C-alpha atoms as a PDB file:
ATOM      1  CA  UNK A   1       4.503   6.262  15.174  1.00  0.00           C
ATOM      2  CA  UNK A   2       2.844   6.657  18.321  1.00  0.00           C
ATOM      3  CA  UNK A   3       4.087   4.457  21.167  1.00  0.00           C
ATOM      4  CA  UNK A   4       2.063   1.377  21.741  1.00  0.00           C
ATOM      5  CA  UNK A   5       0.636   0.741  25.274  1.00  0.00           C
ATOM      6  CA  UNK A   6       1.227  -2.502  27.321  1.00  0.00           C
ATOM      7  CA  UNK A   7      -1.765  -4.620  26.951  1.00  0.00           C
ATOM      8  CA  UNK A   8      -3.036  -6.677  30.134  1.00  0.00           C
ATOM      9  CA  UNK A   9      -4.271  -9.607  28.220  1.00  0.00           C
ATOM     10  CA  UNK A  10      -4.270 -11.444  24.860  1.00  0.00           C
ATOM     11  CA  UNK A  11      -7.818 -10.345  24.239  1.00  0.00           C
ATOM     12  CA  UNK A  12      -6.550  -6.657  24.427  1.00  0.00           C
ATOM     13  CA  UNK A  13      -3.676  -7.398  22.147  1.00  0.00           C
ATOM     14  CA  UNK A  14      -6.118  -8.960  19.667  1.00  0.00           C
ATOM     15  CA  UNK A  15      -8.572  -6.168  19.902  1.00  0.00           C
ATOM     16  CA  UNK A  16      -5.847  -3.539  19.163  1.00  0.00           C
ATOM     17  CA  UNK A  17      -4.698  -5.637  16.218  1.00  0.00           C
ATOM     18  CA  UNK A  18      -8.180  -5.830  14.815  1.00  0.00           C
ATOM     19  CA  UNK A  19      -8.482  -1.999  15.206  1.00  0.00           C
ATOM     20  CA  UNK A  20      -5.245  -1.590  13.213  1.00  0.00           C
ATOM     21  CA  UNK A  21      -6.392  -4.053  10.458  1.00  0.00           C
ATOM     22  CA  UNK A  22      -9.621  -2.026  10.177  1.00  0.00           C
ATOM     23  CA  UNK A  23      -7.621   1.081   9.732  1.00  0.00           C
ATOM     24  CA  UNK A  24      -5.232  -0.506   7.164  1.00  0.00           C
ATOM     25  CA  UNK A  25      -8.175  -1.885   5.030  1.00  0.00           C
ATOM     26  CA  UNK A  26      -9.684   1.616   4.822  1.00  0.00           C
ATOM     27  CA  UNK A  27      -6.241   3.112   3.785  1.00  0.00           C
ATOM     28  CA  UNK A  28      -5.817   0.645   1.043  1.00  0.00           C
ATOM     29  CA  UNK A  29      -9.228   1.261  -0.193  1.00  0.00           C
ATOM     30  CA  UNK A  30      -8.615   5.033  -0.181  1.00  0.00           C
ATOM     31  CA  UNK A  31      -4.957   4.393  -1.931  1.00  0.00           C
ATOM     32  CA  UNK A  32      -7.034   2.276  -4.436  1.00  0.00           C
ATOM     33  CA  UNK A  33      -9.523   5.011  -5.078  1.00  0.00           C
ATOM     34  CA  UNK A  34      -6.588   7.561  -5.932  1.00  0.00           C
ATOM     35  CA  UNK A  35      -4.892   4.922  -8.165  1.00  0.00           C
ATOM     36  CA  UNK A  36      -8.434   4.674  -9.931  1.00  0.00           C
ATOM     37  CA  UNK A  37      -8.256   8.471 -10.365  1.00  0.00           C
ATOM     38  CA  UNK A  38      -4.699   8.323 -11.895  1.00  0.00           C
ATOM     39  CA  UNK A  39      -5.677   6.219 -14.352  1.00  0.00           C
ATOM     40  CA  UNK A  40      -7.649   8.860 -16.341  1.00  0.00           C
ATOM     41  CA  UNK A  41      -4.406  10.805 -16.634  1.00  0.00           C
ATOM     42  CA  UNK A  42      -2.372   8.056 -18.450  1.00  0.00           C
ATOM     43  CA  UNK A  43      -2.120   7.804 -22.154  1.00  0.00           C
ATOM     44  CA  UNK A  44      -0.671   4.315 -22.744  1.00  0.00           C
ATOM     45  CA  UNK A  45       0.015   1.139 -21.287  1.00  0.00           C
ATOM     46  CA  UNK A  46       3.771   2.190 -20.303  1.00  0.00           C
ATOM     47  CA  UNK A  47       2.058   5.086 -18.305  1.00  0.00           C
ATOM     48  CA  UNK A  48      -0.022   2.463 -16.441  1.00  0.00           C
ATOM     49  CA  UNK A  49       2.971   0.291 -15.608  1.00  0.00           C
ATOM     50  CA  UNK A  50       5.090   3.332 -14.628  1.00  0.00           C
ATOM     51  CA  UNK A  51       8.169   1.252 -13.734  1.00  0.00           C
ATOM     52  CA  UNK A  52      10.119   4.421 -12.590  1.00  0.00           C
ATOM     53  CA  UNK A  53       7.242   5.447 -10.352  1.00  0.00           C
ATOM     54  CA  UNK A  54       7.077   1.985  -8.728  1.00  0.00           C
ATOM     55  CA  UNK A  55      11.013   1.997  -8.127  1.00  0.00           C
ATOM     56  CA  UNK A  56      10.540   5.444  -6.394  1.00  0.00           C
ATOM     57  CA  UNK A  57       7.472   4.342  -4.098  1.00  0.00           C
ATOM     58  CA  UNK A  58       9.411   1.169  -3.123  1.00  0.00           C
ATOM     59  CA  UNK A  59      12.516   3.204  -2.305  1.00  0.00           C
ATOM     60  CA  UNK A  60      10.293   5.657  -0.340  1.00  0.00           C
ATOM     61  CA  UNK A  61       8.604   2.875   1.705  1.00  0.00           C
ATOM     62  CA  UNK A  62      11.795   1.196   2.506  1.00  0.00           C
ATOM     63  CA  UNK A  63      13.231   4.218   3.979  1.00  0.00           C
ATOM     64  CA  UNK A  64       9.901   4.780   5.915  1.00  0.00           C
ATOM     65  CA  UNK A  65      10.350   1.178   7.127  1.00  0.00           C
ATOM     66  CA  UNK A  66      13.752   1.760   8.397  1.00  0.00           C
ATOM     67  CA  UNK A  67      12.669   5.046  10.180  1.00  0.00           C
ATOM     68  CA  UNK A  68       9.801   3.070  11.657  1.00  0.00           C
ATOM     69  CA  UNK A  69      11.978   0.017  12.610  1.00  0.00           C
ATOM     70  CA  UNK A  70       9.895  -2.399  10.558  1.00  0.00           C
ATOM     71  CA  UNK A  71      11.606  -5.024   8.102  1.00  0.00           C
ATOM     72  CA  UNK A  72      12.008  -3.233   4.936  1.00  0.00           C
ATOM     73  CA  UNK A  73      11.792  -6.635   3.054  1.00  0.00           C
ATOM     74  CA  UNK A  74       8.292  -6.995   4.589  1.00  0.00           C
ATOM     75  CA  UNK A  75       7.098  -3.509   3.617  1.00  0.00           C
ATOM     76  CA  UNK A  76       8.394  -3.856   0.117  1.00  0.00           C
ATOM     77  CA  UNK A  77       6.742  -7.202  -0.383  1.00  0.00           C
ATOM     78  CA  UNK A  78       3.486  -5.808   0.670  1.00  0.00           C
ATOM     79  CA  UNK A  79       3.896  -2.737  -1.359  1.00  0.00           C
ATOM     80  CA  UNK A  80       4.768  -4.814  -4.408  1.00  0.00           C
ATOM     81  CA  UNK A  81       1.842  -6.994  -3.997  1.00  0.00           C
ATOM     82  CA  UNK A  82      -0.330  -3.944  -3.712  1.00  0.00           C
ATOM     83  CA  UNK A  83       1.025  -2.195  -6.528  1.00  0.00           C
ATOM     84  CA  UNK A  84       0.790  -5.320  -8.865  1.00  0.00           C
ATOM     85  CA  UNK A  85      -2.825  -5.709  -8.017  1.00  0.00           C
ATOM     86  CA  UNK A  86      -3.664  -2.038  -8.651  1.00  0.00           C
ATOM     87  CA  UNK A  87      -1.624  -2.031 -11.948  1.00  0.00           C
ATOM     88  CA  UNK A  88      -3.468  -5.212 -13.052  1.00  0.00           C
ATOM     89  CA  UNK A  89      -6.737  -3.570 -12.247  1.00  0.00           C
ATOM     90  CA  UNK A  90      -5.889  -0.295 -13.957  1.00  0.00           C
ATOM     91  CA  UNK A  91      -4.499  -2.108 -17.082  1.00  0.00           C
ATOM     92  CA  UNK A  92      -7.808  -3.925 -17.350  1.00  0.00           C
ATOM     93  CA  UNK A  93      -9.652  -0.704 -17.100  1.00  0.00           C
ATOM     94  CA  UNK A  94      -7.190   0.976 -19.482  1.00  0.00           C
ATOM     95  CA  UNK A  95      -7.688  -1.787 -22.152  1.00  0.00           C
ATOM     96  CA  UNK A  96     -11.404  -1.281 -22.135  1.00  0.00           C
ATOM     97  CA  UNK A  97     -11.598   2.300 -22.514  1.00  0.00           C
END
């Protein structure tokens, strides 16, 4: 993570937060596009759920959170929500093949 600069006003803080939000939404969309591609390689519902993969991803992001000095519980909660949403979407698509 690059060091953040000290802002001179609340408006500047908010502008930086807005910029980060824009980037986060773009990255979530990009991640979702790869999840959609992954679906074509899955043969059954267990492949879609991929419990061991979810566990591995959660462990990885918790480690990244600790390295970046972010609350690992927050990062895990965000990732679990995102993974649950993508898995539900992927399962609907899988069932309609």
